[in-house]
Amino acid sequence: NTKAGELYQIDVWRKSDTSSGYLVVTADDSKTFYRAQNEAIKFDENGWELLRIDVDIKNETEGKNLKIYLWNPRRRVAYFDDLSITKFSRNLE
């Protein structure tokens, strides 16, 4: 039950030799909202990469459930760790 004005930050660490694997956020109806990310924003010395999606709940996604999942369409090994979902609320006035 999302509300307009909420902000979500979804992070996951990925380790893959080929940058294979996506972080995905979608509404029940993917035509309403769908976002996939496989470009890392941060790297550590052990080969882990941070993927992040920020979701700003607008009127079209208000009241919808969000599905968050990891997707690897290639036949390459990808490891994921430390999935985190942080919800922020802001005053719309």
PDB file of N, CA and C in Angstrom:
ATOM      1  N   ASN A   1       0.839  -1.192   0.000  1.00  0.00           N
ATOM      2  CA  ASN A   1       0.000   0.000   0.000  1.00  0.00           C
ATOM      3  C   ASN A   1       0.874   1.241   0.000  1.00  0.00           C
ATOM      4  N   THR A   2       1.348   1.597  -1.136  1.00  0.00           N
ATOM      5  CA  THR A   2       2.212   2.775  -1.248  1.00  0.00           C
ATOM      6  C   THR A   2       1.364   4.043  -1.181  1.00  0.00           C
ATOM      7  N   LYS A   3       2.009   5.112  -0.763  1.00  0.00           N
ATOM      8  CA  LYS A   3       1.329   6.410  -0.661  1.00  0.00           C
ATOM      9  C   LYS A   3       2.145   7.454  -1.415  1.00  0.00           C
ATOM     10  N   ALA A   4       1.438   8.365  -2.091  1.00  0.00           N
ATOM     11  CA  ALA A   4       2.119   9.446  -2.806  1.00  0.00           C
ATOM     12  C   ALA A   4       3.013  10.194  -1.830  1.00  0.00           C
ATOM     13  N   GLY A   5       4.210  10.495  -2.277  1.00  0.00           N
ATOM     14  CA  GLY A   5       5.176  11.200  -1.444  1.00  0.00           C
ATOM     15  C   GLY A   5       6.189  10.294  -0.776  1.00  0.00           C
ATOM     16  N   GLU A   6       5.926   8.989  -0.775  1.00  0.00           N
ATOM     17  CA  GLU A   6       6.911   8.069  -0.218  1.00  0.00           C
ATOM     18  C   GLU A   6       8.051   7.886  -1.221  1.00  0.00           C
ATOM     19  N   LEU A   7       9.227   7.720  -0.687  1.00  0.00           N
ATOM     20  CA  LEU A   7      10.409   7.430  -1.493  1.00  0.00           C
ATOM     21  C   LEU A   7      10.991   6.112  -1.011  1.00  0.00           C
ATOM     22  N   TYR A   8      11.359   5.267  -1.935  1.00  0.00           N
ATOM     23  CA  TYR A   8      11.982   3.991  -1.608  1.00  0.00           C
ATOM     24  C   TYR A   8      13.357   3.933  -2.256  1.00  0.00           C
ATOM     25  N   GLN A   9      14.317   3.460  -1.496  1.00  0.00           N
ATOM     26  CA  GLN A   9      15.660   3.209  -2.020  1.00  0.00           C
ATOM     27  C   GLN A   9      15.925   1.721  -1.864  1.00  0.00           C
ATOM     28  N   ILE A  10      16.125   1.045  -2.989  1.00  0.00           N
ATOM     29  CA  ILE A  10      16.372  -0.389  -2.986  1.00  0.00           C
ATOM     30  C   ILE A  10      17.803  -0.620  -3.450  1.00  0.00           C
ATOM     31  N   ASP A  11      18.581  -1.298  -2.623  1.00  0.00           N
ATOM     32  CA  ASP A  11      19.990  -1.571  -2.905  1.00  0.00           C
ATOM     33  C   ASP A  11      20.242  -3.071  -2.843  1.00  0.00           C
ATOM     34  N   VAL A  12      21.170  -3.529  -3.659  1.00  0.00           N
ATOM     35  CA  VAL A  12      21.667  -4.897  -3.560  1.00  0.00           C
ATOM     36  C   VAL A  12      23.097  -4.910  -4.097  1.00  0.00           C
ATOM     37  N   TRP A  13      23.918  -5.750  -3.484  1.00  0.00           N
ATOM     38  CA  TRP A  13      25.287  -5.933  -3.966  1.00  0.00           C
ATOM     39  C   TRP A  13      25.302  -7.140  -4.892  1.00  0.00           C
ATOM     40  N   ARG A  14      26.008  -7.008  -6.011  1.00  0.00           N
ATOM     41  CA  ARG A  14      26.115  -8.071  -7.011  1.00  0.00           C
ATOM     42  C   ARG A  14      27.588  -8.367  -7.275  1.00  0.00           C
ATOM     43  N   LYS A  15      27.872  -9.646  -7.460  1.00  0.00           N
ATOM     44  CA  LYS A  15      29.214 -10.043  -7.878  1.00  0.00           C
ATOM     45  C   LYS A  15      29.065 -10.935  -9.109  1.00  0.00           C
ATOM     46  N   SER A  16      29.649 -10.473 -10.218  1.00  0.00           N
ATOM     47  CA  SER A  16      29.531 -11.197 -11.478  1.00  0.00           C
ATOM     48  C   SER A  16      30.686 -10.777 -12.379  1.00  0.00           C
ATOM     49  N   ASP A  17      31.301 -11.729 -13.015  1.00  0.00           N
ATOM     50  CA  ASP A  17      32.407 -11.418 -13.917  1.00  0.00           C
ATOM     51  C   ASP A  17      31.953 -10.651 -15.156  1.00  0.00           C
ATOM     52  N   THR A  18      30.665 -10.754 -15.491  1.00  0.00           N
ATOM     53  CA  THR A  18      30.167 -10.168 -16.742  1.00  0.00           C
ATOM     54  C   THR A  18      29.105  -9.091 -16.513  1.00  0.00           C
ATOM     55  N   SER A  19      28.977  -8.586 -15.310  1.00  0.00           N
ATOM     56  CA  SER A  19      27.921  -7.614 -14.953  1.00  0.00           C
ATOM     57  C   SER A  19      26.541  -8.150 -15.301  1.00  0.00           C
ATOM     58  N   SER A  20      26.385  -9.448 -15.172  1.00  0.00           N
ATOM     59  CA  SER A  20      25.100 -10.089 -15.431  1.00  0.00           C
ATOM     60  C   SER A  20      24.249 -10.008 -14.173  1.00  0.00           C
ATOM     61  N   GLY A  21      22.973  -9.781 -14.345  1.00  0.00           N
ATOM     62  CA  GLY A  21      22.041  -9.746 -13.233  1.00  0.00           C
ATOM     63  C   GLY A  21      21.481  -8.357 -13.008  1.00  0.00           C
ATOM     64  N   TYR A  22      20.182  -8.291 -12.760  1.00  0.00           N
ATOM     65  CA  TYR A  22      19.454  -7.035 -12.604  1.00  0.00           C
ATOM     66  C   TYR A  22      18.753  -6.977 -11.257  1.00  0.00           C
ATOM     67  N   LEU A  23      18.604  -5.787 -10.758  1.00  0.00           N
ATOM     68  CA  LEU A  23      17.676  -5.458  -9.684  1.00  0.00           C
ATOM     69  C   LEU A  23      16.438  -4.906 -10.364  1.00  0.00           C
ATOM     70  N   VAL A  24      15.259  -5.433 -10.018  1.00  0.00           N
ATOM     71  CA  VAL A  24      14.022  -5.032 -10.689  1.00  0.00           C
ATOM     72  C   VAL A  24      12.983  -4.610  -9.658  1.00  0.00           C
ATOM     73  N   VAL A  25      12.272  -3.516  -9.961  1.00  0.00           N
ATOM     74  CA  VAL A  25      11.133  -3.061  -9.167  1.00  0.00           C
ATOM     75  C   VAL A  25       9.981  -2.841 -10.129  1.00  0.00           C
ATOM     76  N   THR A  26       8.834  -3.426  -9.809  1.00  0.00           N
ATOM     77  CA  THR A  26       7.674  -3.294 -10.678  1.00  0.00           C
ATOM     78  C   THR A  26       6.393  -3.258  -9.845  1.00  0.00           C
ATOM     79  N   ALA A  27       5.341  -2.682 -10.412  1.00  0.00           N
ATOM     80  CA  ALA A  27       4.009  -2.759  -9.817  1.00  0.00           C
ATOM     81  C   ALA A  27       3.382  -4.073 -10.264  1.00  0.00           C
ATOM     82  N   ASP A  28       2.242  -4.444  -9.680  1.00  0.00           N
ATOM     83  CA  ASP A  28       1.558  -5.659 -10.127  1.00  0.00           C
ATOM     84  C   ASP A  28       1.325  -5.624 -11.632  1.00  0.00           C
ATOM     85  N   ASP A  29       0.975  -4.452 -12.138  1.00  0.00           N
ATOM     86  CA  ASP A  29       0.830  -4.238 -13.579  1.00  0.00           C
ATOM     87  C   ASP A  29       2.087  -3.513 -14.046  1.00  0.00           C
ATOM     88  N   SER A  30       2.945  -4.201 -14.754  1.00  0.00           N
ATOM     89  CA  SER A  30       4.233  -3.613 -15.133  1.00  0.00           C
ATOM     90  C   SER A  30       4.082  -2.426 -16.083  1.00  0.00           C
ATOM     91  N   LYS A  31       2.912  -2.255 -16.701  1.00  0.00           N
ATOM     92  CA  LYS A  31       2.689  -1.078 -17.545  1.00  0.00           C
ATOM     93  C   LYS A  31       2.565   0.185 -16.700  1.00  0.00           C
ATOM     94  N   THR A  32       2.130   0.024 -15.448  1.00  0.00           N
ATOM     95  CA  THR A  32       2.025   1.151 -14.530  1.00  0.00           C
ATOM     96  C   THR A  32       3.402   1.599 -14.061  1.00  0.00           C
ATOM     97  N   PHE A  33       4.230   0.615 -13.682  1.00  0.00           N
ATOM     98  CA  PHE A  33       5.582   0.943 -13.212  1.00  0.00           C
ATOM     99  C   PHE A  33       6.481  -0.261 -13.401  1.00  0.00           C
ATOM    100  N   TYR A  34       7.643  -0.030 -14.013  1.00  0.00           N
ATOM    101  CA  TYR A  34       8.661  -1.063 -14.173  1.00  0.00           C
ATOM    102  C   TYR A  34      10.015  -0.380 -14.293  1.00  0.00           C
ATOM    103  N   ARG A  35      10.955  -0.822 -13.479  1.00  0.00           N
ATOM    104  CA  ARG A  35      12.315  -0.290 -13.572  1.00  0.00           C
ATOM    105  C   ARG A  35      13.300  -1.418 -13.283  1.00  0.00           C
ATOM    106  N   ALA A  36      14.302  -1.536 -14.145  1.00  0.00           N
ATOM    107  CA  ALA A  36      15.355  -2.540 -13.965  1.00  0.00           C
ATOM    108  C   ALA A  36      16.702  -1.831 -14.029  1.00  0.00           C
ATOM    109  N   GLN A  37      17.634  -2.306 -13.215  1.00  0.00           N
ATOM    110  CA  GLN A  37      18.950  -1.675 -13.153  1.00  0.00           C
ATOM    111  C   GLN A  37      20.032  -2.749 -13.134  1.00  0.00           C
ATOM    112  N   ASN A  38      21.007  -2.618 -14.031  1.00  0.00           N
ATOM    113  CA  ASN A  38      22.157  -3.501 -13.946  1.00  0.00           C
ATOM    114  C   ASN A  38      23.480  -2.734 -13.993  1.00  0.00           C
ATOM    115  N   GLU A  39      23.403  -1.416 -13.986  1.00  0.00           N
ATOM    116  CA  GLU A  39      24.614  -0.597 -13.944  1.00  0.00           C
ATOM    117  C   GLU A  39      24.938  -0.238 -12.497  1.00  0.00           C
ATOM    118  N   ALA A  40      26.130  -0.574 -12.086  1.00  0.00           N
ATOM    119  CA  ALA A  40      26.550  -0.356 -10.703  1.00  0.00           C
ATOM    120  C   ALA A  40      26.864   1.111 -10.438  1.00  0.00           C
ATOM    121  N   ILE A  41      26.620   1.524  -9.190  1.00  0.00           N
ATOM    122  CA  ILE A  41      26.938   2.899  -8.787  1.00  0.00           C
ATOM    123  C   ILE A  41      28.136   2.954  -7.851  1.00  0.00           C
ATOM    124  N   LYS A  42      28.559   1.782  -7.355  1.00  0.00           N
ATOM    125  CA  LYS A  42      29.667   1.726  -6.422  1.00  0.00           C
ATOM    126  C   LYS A  42      30.331   0.353  -6.550  1.00  0.00           C
ATOM    127  N   PHE A  43      31.637   0.329  -6.322  1.00  0.00           N
ATOM    128  CA  PHE A  43      32.410  -0.909  -6.439  1.00  0.00           C
ATOM    129  C   PHE A  43      33.282  -1.060  -5.203  1.00  0.00           C
ATOM    130  N   ASP A  44      33.474  -2.314  -4.767  1.00  0.00           N
ATOM    131  CA  ASP A  44      34.417  -2.508  -3.667  1.00  0.00           C
ATOM    132  C   ASP A  44      35.636  -3.291  -4.160  1.00  0.00           C
ATOM    133  N   GLU A  45      36.610  -3.439  -3.295  1.00  0.00           N
ATOM    134  CA  GLU A  45      37.882  -4.054  -3.691  1.00  0.00           C
ATOM    135  C   GLU A  45      37.788  -5.563  -3.904  1.00  0.00           C
ATOM    136  N   ASN A  46      36.671  -6.186  -3.519  1.00  0.00           N
ATOM    137  CA  ASN A  46      36.501  -7.628  -3.680  1.00  0.00           C
ATOM    138  C   ASN A  46      35.657  -8.006  -4.894  1.00  0.00           C
ATOM    139  N   GLY A  47      35.329  -7.017  -5.740  1.00  0.00           N
ATOM    140  CA  GLY A  47      34.576  -7.301  -6.951  1.00  0.00           C
ATOM    141  C   GLY A  47      33.069  -7.175  -6.826  1.00  0.00           C
ATOM    142  N   TRP A  48      32.580  -6.738  -5.669  1.00  0.00           N
ATOM    143  CA  TRP A  48      31.143  -6.532  -5.490  1.00  0.00           C
ATOM    144  C   TRP A  48      30.761  -5.162  -6.035  1.00  0.00           C
ATOM    145  N   GLU A  49      29.565  -5.098  -6.637  1.00  0.00           N
ATOM    146  CA  GLU A  49      29.048  -3.861  -7.230  1.00  0.00           C
ATOM    147  C   GLU A  49      27.685  -3.549  -6.613  1.00  0.00           C
ATOM    148  N   LEU A  50      27.452  -2.283  -6.300  1.00  0.00           N
ATOM    149  CA  LEU A  50      26.182  -1.873  -5.714  1.00  0.00           C
ATOM    150  C   LEU A  50      25.220  -1.428  -6.807  1.00  0.00           C
ATOM    151  N   LEU A  51      24.041  -2.073  -6.842  1.00  0.00           N
ATOM    152  CA  LEU A  51      22.957  -1.659  -7.725  1.00  0.00           C
ATOM    153  C   LEU A  51      21.924  -0.934  -6.878  1.00  0.00           C
ATOM    154  N   ARG A  52      21.334   0.130  -7.419  1.00  0.00           N
ATOM    155  CA  ARG A  52      20.356   0.908  -6.661  1.00  0.00           C
ATOM    156  C   ARG A  52      19.230   1.372  -7.577  1.00  0.00           C
ATOM    157  N   ILE A  53      18.016   1.313  -7.045  1.00  0.00           N
ATOM    158  CA  ILE A  53      16.851   1.909  -7.706  1.00  0.00           C
ATOM    159  C   ILE A  53      16.151   2.780  -6.678  1.00  0.00           C
ATOM    160  N   ASP A  54      15.900   4.024  -7.050  1.00  0.00           N
ATOM    161  CA  ASP A  54      15.111   4.941  -6.234  1.00  0.00           C
ATOM    162  C   ASP A  54      13.722   5.026  -6.843  1.00  0.00           C
ATOM    163  N   VAL A  55      12.706   4.877  -6.001  1.00  0.00           N
ATOM    164  CA  VAL A  55      11.317   4.915  -6.460  1.00  0.00           C
ATOM    165  C   VAL A  55      10.603   6.037  -5.725  1.00  0.00           C
ATOM    166  N   ASP A  56      10.078   6.987  -6.486  1.00  0.00           N
ATOM    167  CA  ASP A  56       9.300   8.102  -5.959  1.00  0.00           C
ATOM    168  C   ASP A  56       7.835   7.798  -6.266  1.00  0.00           C
ATOM    169  N   ILE A  57       7.041   7.560  -5.234  1.00  0.00           N
ATOM    170  CA  ILE A  57       5.647   7.175  -5.440  1.00  0.00           C
ATOM    171  C   ILE A  57       4.845   8.407  -5.877  1.00  0.00           C
ATOM    172  N   LYS A  58       4.280   8.289  -7.049  1.00  0.00           N
ATOM    173  CA  LYS A  58       3.431   9.335  -7.633  1.00  0.00           C
ATOM    174  C   LYS A  58       1.983   8.844  -7.623  1.00  0.00           C
ATOM    175  N   ASN A  59       1.082   9.671  -8.124  1.00  0.00           N
ATOM    176  CA  ASN A  59      -0.341   9.310  -8.129  1.00  0.00           C
ATOM    177  C   ASN A  59      -0.623   8.004  -8.855  1.00  0.00           C
ATOM    178  N   GLU A  60       0.088   7.752  -9.974  1.00  0.00           N
ATOM    179  CA  GLU A  60      -0.192   6.539 -10.750  1.00  0.00           C
ATOM    180  C   GLU A  60       0.254   5.255 -10.053  1.00  0.00           C
ATOM    181  N   THR A  61       1.158   5.358  -9.084  1.00  0.00           N
ATOM    182  CA  THR A  61       1.599   4.176  -8.348  1.00  0.00           C
ATOM    183  C   THR A  61       1.089   4.148  -6.908  1.00  0.00           C
ATOM    184  N   GLU A  62       0.358   5.177  -6.516  1.00  0.00           N
ATOM    185  CA  GLU A  62      -0.175   5.220  -5.151  1.00  0.00           C
ATOM    186  C   GLU A  62      -1.154   4.062  -4.935  1.00  0.00           C
ATOM    187  N   GLY A  63      -1.016   3.412  -3.791  1.00  0.00           N
ATOM    188  CA  GLY A  63      -1.896   2.301  -3.439  1.00  0.00           C
ATOM    189  C   GLY A  63      -1.525   0.980  -4.093  1.00  0.00           C
ATOM    190  N   LYS A  64      -0.506   0.981  -4.905  1.00  0.00           N
ATOM    191  CA  LYS A  64      -0.079  -0.242  -5.599  1.00  0.00           C
ATOM    192  C   LYS A  64       0.942  -0.998  -4.758  1.00  0.00           C
ATOM    193  N   ASN A  65       0.996  -2.292  -4.958  1.00  0.00           N
ATOM    194  CA  ASN A  65       2.050  -3.104  -4.362  1.00  0.00           C
ATOM    195  C   ASN A  65       3.250  -3.057  -5.284  1.00  0.00           C
ATOM    196  N   LEU A  66       4.428  -3.011  -4.705  1.00  0.00           N
ATOM    197  CA  LEU A  66       5.659  -3.084  -5.481  1.00  0.00           C
ATOM    198  C   LEU A  66       6.269  -4.466  -5.320  1.00  0.00           C
ATOM    199  N   LYS A  67       6.737  -5.014  -6.422  1.00  0.00           N
ATOM    200  CA  LYS A  67       7.454  -6.286  -6.395  1.00  0.00           C
ATOM    201  C   LYS A  67       8.924  -5.978  -6.630  1.00  0.00           C
ATOM    202  N   ILE A  68       9.765  -6.549  -5.823  1.00  0.00           N
ATOM    203  CA  ILE A  68      11.204  -6.336  -5.924  1.00  0.00           C
ATOM    204  C   ILE A  68      11.844  -7.709  -6.093  1.00  0.00           C
ATOM    205  N   TYR A  69      12.629  -7.848  -7.153  1.00  0.00           N
ATOM    206  CA  TYR A  69      13.279  -9.136  -7.372  1.00  0.00           C
ATOM    207  C   TYR A  69      14.593  -8.968  -8.114  1.00  0.00           C
ATOM    208  N   LEU A  70      15.350 -10.050  -8.122  1.00  0.00           N
ATOM    209  CA  LEU A  70      16.638 -10.095  -8.810  1.00  0.00           C
ATOM    210  C   LEU A  70      16.468 -11.010 -10.012  1.00  0.00           C
ATOM    211  N   TRP A  71      17.018 -10.588 -11.152  1.00  0.00           N
ATOM    212  CA  TRP A  71      16.803 -11.308 -12.399  1.00  0.00           C
ATOM    213  C   TRP A  71      18.123 -11.449 -13.134  1.00  0.00           C
ATOM    214  N   ASN A  72      18.417 -12.648 -13.551  1.00  0.00           N
ATOM    215  CA  ASN A  72      19.636 -12.903 -14.310  1.00  0.00           C
ATOM    216  C   ASN A  72      19.259 -13.624 -15.607  1.00  0.00           C
ATOM    217  N   PRO A  73      19.106 -12.876 -16.708  1.00  0.00           N
ATOM    218  CA  PRO A  73      18.663 -13.487 -17.962  1.00  0.00           C
ATOM    219  C   PRO A  73      19.754 -14.268 -18.684  1.00  0.00           C
ATOM    220  N   ARG A  74      20.989 -14.088 -18.298  1.00  0.00           N
ATOM    221  CA  ARG A  74      22.100 -14.792 -18.957  1.00  0.00           C
ATOM    222  C   ARG A  74      22.411 -16.094 -18.244  1.00  0.00           C
ATOM    223  N   ARG A  75      23.121 -16.927 -18.927  1.00  0.00           N
ATOM    224  CA  ARG A  75      23.578 -18.181 -18.318  1.00  0.00           C
ATOM    225  C   ARG A  75      24.976 -17.989 -17.739  1.00  0.00           C
ATOM    226  N   ARG A  76      25.123 -16.914 -16.999  1.00  0.00           N
ATOM    227  CA  ARG A  76      26.379 -16.600 -16.319  1.00  0.00           C
ATOM    228  C   ARG A  76      26.097 -16.535 -14.825  1.00  0.00           C
ATOM    229  N   VAL A  77      27.085 -16.873 -14.032  1.00  0.00           N
ATOM    230  CA  VAL A  77      26.916 -16.849 -12.581  1.00  0.00           C
ATOM    231  C   VAL A  77      26.883 -15.407 -12.097  1.00  0.00           C
ATOM    232  N   ALA A  78      25.910 -15.111 -11.243  1.00  0.00           N
ATOM    233  CA  ALA A  78      25.817 -13.812 -10.576  1.00  0.00           C
ATOM    234  C   ALA A  78      25.383 -14.070  -9.137  1.00  0.00           C
ATOM    235  N   TYR A  79      26.096 -13.469  -8.220  1.00  0.00           N
ATOM    236  CA  TYR A  79      25.769 -13.578  -6.800  1.00  0.00           C
ATOM    237  C   TYR A  79      25.181 -12.253  -6.342  1.00  0.00           C
ATOM    238  N   PHE A  80      24.202 -12.334  -5.444  1.00  0.00           N
ATOM    239  CA  PHE A  80      23.591 -11.139  -4.871  1.00  0.00           C
ATOM    240  C   PHE A  80      23.629 -11.256  -3.359  1.00  0.00           C
ATOM    241  N   ASP A  81      23.794 -10.102  -2.684  1.00  0.00           N
ATOM    242  CA  ASP A  81      23.876 -10.114  -1.227  1.00  0.00           C
ATOM    243  C   ASP A  81      23.396  -8.772  -0.682  1.00  0.00           C
ATOM    244  N   ASP A  82      22.961  -8.802   0.562  1.00  0.00           N
ATOM    245  CA  ASP A  82      22.619  -7.589   1.324  1.00  0.00           C
ATOM    246  C   ASP A  82      21.560  -6.727   0.654  1.00  0.00           C
ATOM    247  N   LEU A  83      20.470  -7.340   0.220  1.00  0.00           N
ATOM    248  CA  LEU A  83      19.342  -6.573  -0.317  1.00  0.00           C
ATOM    249  C   LEU A  83      18.769  -5.712   0.798  1.00  0.00           C
ATOM    250  N   SER A  84      18.593  -4.422   0.526  1.00  0.00           N
ATOM    251  CA  SER A  84      17.982  -3.536   1.523  1.00  0.00           C
ATOM    252  C   SER A  84      16.932  -2.654   0.853  1.00  0.00           C
ATOM    253  N   ILE A  85      15.850  -2.422   1.596  1.00  0.00           N
ATOM    254  CA  ILE A  85      14.756  -1.577   1.146  1.00  0.00           C
ATOM    255  C   ILE A  85      14.536  -0.534   2.228  1.00  0.00           C
ATOM    256  N   THR A  86      14.721   0.719   1.859  1.00  0.00           N
ATOM    257  CA  THR A  86      14.548   1.814   2.811  1.00  0.00           C
ATOM    258  C   THR A  86      13.421   2.700   2.338  1.00  0.00           C
ATOM    259  N   LYS A  87      12.473   2.976   3.238  1.00  0.00           N
ATOM    260  CA  LYS A  87      11.331   3.833   2.904  1.00  0.00           C
ATOM    261  C   LYS A  87      11.522   5.181   3.586  1.00  0.00           C
ATOM    262  N   PHE A  88      11.371   6.233   2.795  1.00  0.00           N
ATOM    263  CA  PHE A  88      11.415   7.595   3.302  1.00  0.00           C
ATOM    264  C   PHE A  88      10.049   8.223   3.046  1.00  0.00           C
ATOM    265  N   SER A  89       9.577   9.025   3.969  1.00  0.00           N
ATOM    266  CA  SER A  89       8.339   9.773   3.766  1.00  0.00           C
ATOM    267  C   SER A  89       8.677  11.253   3.755  1.00  0.00           C
ATOM    268  N   ARG A  90       7.951  11.989   2.934  1.00  0.00           N
ATOM    269  CA  ARG A  90       8.151  13.427   2.918  1.00  0.00           C
ATOM    270  C   ARG A  90       6.787  14.095   2.915  1.00  0.00           C
ATOM    271  N   ASN A  91       6.770  15.292   3.395  1.00  0.00           N
ATOM    272  CA  ASN A  91       5.532  16.057   3.447  1.00  0.00           C
ATOM    273  C   ASN A  91       5.322  16.695   2.073  1.00  0.00           C
ATOM    274  N   LEU A  92       4.158  16.468   1.478  1.00  0.00           N
ATOM    275  CA  LEU A  92       3.866  17.000   0.144  1.00  0.00           C
ATOM    276  C   LEU A  92       3.406  18.447   0.167  1.00  0.00           C
ATOM    277  N   GLU A  93       3.214  19.015   1.335  1.00  0.00           N
ATOM    278  CA  GLU A  93       2.745  20.407   1.384  1.00  0.00           C
ATOM    279  C   GLU A  93       3.858  21.387   1.172  1.00  0.00           C
TER     280      GLU A  93
END
